Amino acid sequence: MVIISLLCLIVGVTSGWFFSEKYWEFMSVEKHEFDELFEKNPHPELFDNDGSLNRGEYMAINFDLGYDPEEFDPEDITGD
């Protein structure tokens, strides 16, 4: 009976430590603002030379429907 109790204690402590490490690793990962976009539509320019996803800083540019780049005026730029 003592051997079974010690064995259960060792297995419990070991598995508790293992899952605790995995939990803290999961909780410490910071989500990038564009993680959803990276997963749904990974453009080739997002990858570095090694093929790893570059999670640097990115800028999103949205154009209004009907925008004509030939009629560009620098004063149209806003900091939204």
Protein backbone atom coordinates (compact mmCIF):
# COMPACT_ATOMS: atom_id res chain seq x y z
CA MET A 1 0.00 0.00 0.00
CA VAL A 2 2.88 2.37 0.80
CA ILE A 3 4.55 1.63 -2.54
CA ILE A 4 1.36 2.47 -4.46
CA SER A 5 0.96 5.70 -2.49
CA LEU A 6 4.55 6.75 -3.19
CA LEU A 7 4.19 5.85 -6.86
CA CYS A 8 0.99 7.94 -7.11
CA LEU A 9 2.72 10.82 -5.32
CA ILE A 10 5.67 10.74 -7.73
CA VAL A 11 3.43 10.52 -10.81
CA GLY A 12 1.19 13.32 -9.48
CA VAL A 13 4.08 15.68 -8.70
CA THR A 14 5.77 14.97 -12.03
CA SER A 15 2.65 15.43 -14.13
CA GLY A 16 1.64 18.51 -12.12
CA TRP A 17 5.03 20.09 -12.71
CA PHE A 18 4.93 19.22 -16.43
CA PHE A 19 1.44 20.65 -17.00
CA SER A 20 2.24 23.70 -14.90
CA GLU A 21 5.20 24.47 -17.17
CA LYS A 22 3.03 24.04 -20.28
CA TYR A 23 0.32 26.27 -18.78
CA TRP A 24 2.76 29.09 -17.98
CA GLU A 25 4.31 28.78 -21.45
CA PHE A 26 0.85 29.08 -23.00
CA MET A 27 -0.11 32.06 -20.82
CA SER A 28 3.12 33.98 -21.48
CA VAL A 29 2.76 34.01 -25.28
CA GLU A 30 1.79 37.49 -26.42
CA LYS A 31 -0.65 37.64 -29.31
CA HIS A 32 0.31 39.83 -32.24
CA GLU A 33 -2.26 42.30 -33.51
CA PHE A 34 -2.41 40.52 -36.88
CA ASP A 35 -2.21 36.87 -35.70
CA GLU A 36 -5.62 36.08 -37.20
CA LEU A 37 -4.50 37.48 -40.55
CA PHE A 38 -1.22 35.52 -40.40
CA GLU A 39 -3.15 32.27 -39.97
CA LYS A 40 -5.88 32.92 -42.56
CA ASN A 41 -3.82 34.53 -45.32
CA PRO A 42 -0.05 34.10 -44.93
CA HIS A 43 1.48 36.28 -47.66
CA PRO A 44 5.00 35.30 -48.81
CA GLU A 45 6.41 38.69 -47.82
CA LEU A 46 5.63 37.91 -44.16
CA PHE A 47 8.29 35.17 -44.06
CA ASP A 48 12.01 35.68 -43.52
CA ASN A 49 14.83 33.93 -45.39
CA ASP A 50 14.58 30.87 -43.13
CA GLY A 51 10.85 30.45 -43.79
CA SER A 52 9.83 31.61 -40.31
CA LEU A 53 6.95 34.03 -39.90
CA ASN A 54 8.25 37.54 -39.20
CA ARG A 55 5.99 38.97 -36.49
CA GLY A 56 7.45 42.46 -36.63
CA GLU A 57 5.54 45.70 -36.87
CA TYR A 58 3.18 46.11 -39.79
CA MET A 59 1.07 48.95 -41.13
CA ALA A 60 -2.42 48.39 -42.49
CA ILE A 61 -3.55 50.63 -45.35
CA ASN A 62 -7.18 50.73 -46.40
CA PHE A 63 -8.33 52.39 -49.61
CA ASP A 64 -11.86 53.63 -50.16
CA LEU A 65 -13.82 52.00 -52.95
CA GLY A 66 -13.30 53.88 -56.19
CA TYR A 67 -9.93 55.30 -55.09
CA ASP A 68 -7.85 56.39 -58.07
CA PRO A 69 -4.09 56.58 -57.36
CA GLU A 70 -3.68 58.98 -60.30
CA GLU A 71 -5.66 61.59 -58.33
CA PHE A 72 -3.47 61.29 -55.20
CA ASP A 73 -3.17 64.43 -53.09
CA PRO A 74 -0.74 64.32 -50.12
CA GLU A 75 -3.18 66.40 -48.07
CA ASP A 76 -5.68 63.50 -48.21
CA ILE A 77 -3.46 61.54 -45.79
CA THR A 78 -4.88 61.29 -42.26
CA GLY A 79 -3.35 59.75 -39.16
CA ASP A 80 -6.37 57.52 -38.33
